[in-house]
Protein backbone atom coordinates (compact mmCIF):
# COMPACT_ATOMS: atom_id res chain seq x y z
CA MET A 1 -11.47 -14.90 40.32
CA ILE A 2 -8.71 -15.88 38.13
CA GLU A 3 -6.79 -12.44 38.57
CA GLY A 4 -5.04 -14.14 41.80
CA LEU A 5 -4.76 -17.60 40.47
CA PHE A 6 -1.18 -18.04 39.92
CA GLN A 7 0.65 -16.16 42.75
CA PRO A 8 4.33 -16.19 42.73
CA VAL A 9 3.89 -19.13 45.96
CA HIS A 10 1.76 -21.17 43.59
CA LEU A 11 4.59 -21.43 40.85
CA LEU A 12 7.14 -21.72 43.66
CA LEU A 13 5.71 -25.13 44.92
CA ILE A 14 4.90 -26.11 41.11
CA LEU A 15 8.41 -25.55 40.73
CA ILE A 16 9.41 -27.81 43.73
CA ILE A 17 6.85 -30.80 42.60
CA ALA A 18 8.15 -30.73 39.07
CA THR A 19 11.61 -30.81 40.53
CA LEU A 20 10.78 -33.83 42.83
CA VAL A 21 9.09 -35.28 39.87
CA PHE A 22 11.58 -35.25 37.38
CA GLY A 23 14.99 -34.32 38.67
CA PRO A 24 17.10 -31.34 38.63
CA LYS A 25 18.70 -33.06 35.52
CA LYS A 26 15.49 -33.34 33.50
CA LEU A 27 14.03 -29.96 33.93
CA PRO A 28 16.06 -28.03 31.39
CA GLU A 29 15.49 -30.67 28.64
CA LEU A 30 11.62 -30.04 29.36
CA GLY A 31 11.65 -26.56 29.41
CA ARG A 32 13.75 -26.65 26.03
CA ASN A 33 11.22 -29.47 24.35
CA LEU A 34 8.21 -27.46 25.67
CA GLY A 35 9.53 -24.17 24.12
CA GLN A 36 10.17 -25.87 20.89
CA GLY A 37 6.90 -27.31 21.16
CA ILE A 38 5.30 -24.10 21.58
CA ARG A 39 7.79 -22.36 18.89
CA GLY A 40 6.04 -24.88 16.63
CA PHE A 41 2.89 -24.33 17.10
CA ARG A 42 2.67 -20.60 16.72
CA ASP A 43 4.63 -20.95 13.19
CA ALA A 44 2.12 -23.33 12.08
CA VAL A 45 -0.54 -20.95 13.21
CA LYS A 46 1.05 -18.23 11.09
CA ASN A 47 1.58 -20.34 8.34
CA ALA A 48 -2.25 -22.04 8.20
CA LYS A 49 -2.90 -17.67 8.47
CA LYS A 50 -1.03 -16.84 5.63
CA GLY A 51 -2.38 -19.95 3.88
CA ALA A 52 -6.03 -19.00 4.43
CA SER A 53 -5.58 -15.35 3.33
CA ALA A 54 -3.42 -16.67 0.28
CA ASP A 55 -6.26 -18.77 -0.50
CA ASP A 56 -8.97 -16.10 -0.01
CA SER A 57 -7.18 -14.15 -2.76
CA HIS A 58 -7.07 -17.09 -5.39
CA ALA A 59 -10.91 -17.91 -4.61
CA SER A 60 -11.89 -14.06 -5.87
CA LYS A 61 -9.73 -14.63 -8.96
CA ASP A 62 -11.61 -18.19 -9.66
CA PRO A 63 -13.31 -17.55 -12.88
CA ALA A 64 -16.10 -20.54 -11.69
CA VAL A 65 -16.84 -17.92 -8.72
CA PRO A 66 -18.45 -14.99 -9.92
CA THR A 67 -17.84 -12.12 -7.97
CA PRO A 68 -20.15 -9.65 -6.40
CA GLY A 69 -22.19 -7.51 -9.41
CA THR A 70 -21.34 -10.10 -12.12
CA SER A 71 -23.89 -12.81 -13.60
CA LEU A 72 -23.62 -16.22 -14.12
CA PRO A 73 -23.50 -17.37 -17.60
CA SER A 74 -27.15 -18.10 -18.74
CA ARG A 75 -26.61 -21.99 -18.94
CA VAL A 76 -25.11 -22.18 -15.25
CA ALA A 77 -28.14 -19.92 -14.13
CA THR A 78 -30.45 -21.85 -15.03
CA GLY A 79 -28.92 -25.26 -14.37
CA ARG A 80 -28.45 -26.47 -17.76
CA GLY A 81 -25.07 -27.44 -18.37
CA ASN A 82 -23.44 -29.76 -21.03
CA SER A 83 -25.31 -32.74 -20.15
């Protein structure tokens, strides 16, 4: 159903309508701005993924968070802190 959604005739019709609505002088600017927005979004997603993986690597080195196979100190395990 979705495979034949955008055929060349449909894309041509969309381009004609866009030209009528925005005018031929404005279309290159709109395309450029759309491309910059998509590029910025990709960069943000890429940076977020890098940040998340960096946070994961730091989280495993945090002494307050035990790694699998290690035990908690007795005062933390029993709930008896410094209070």
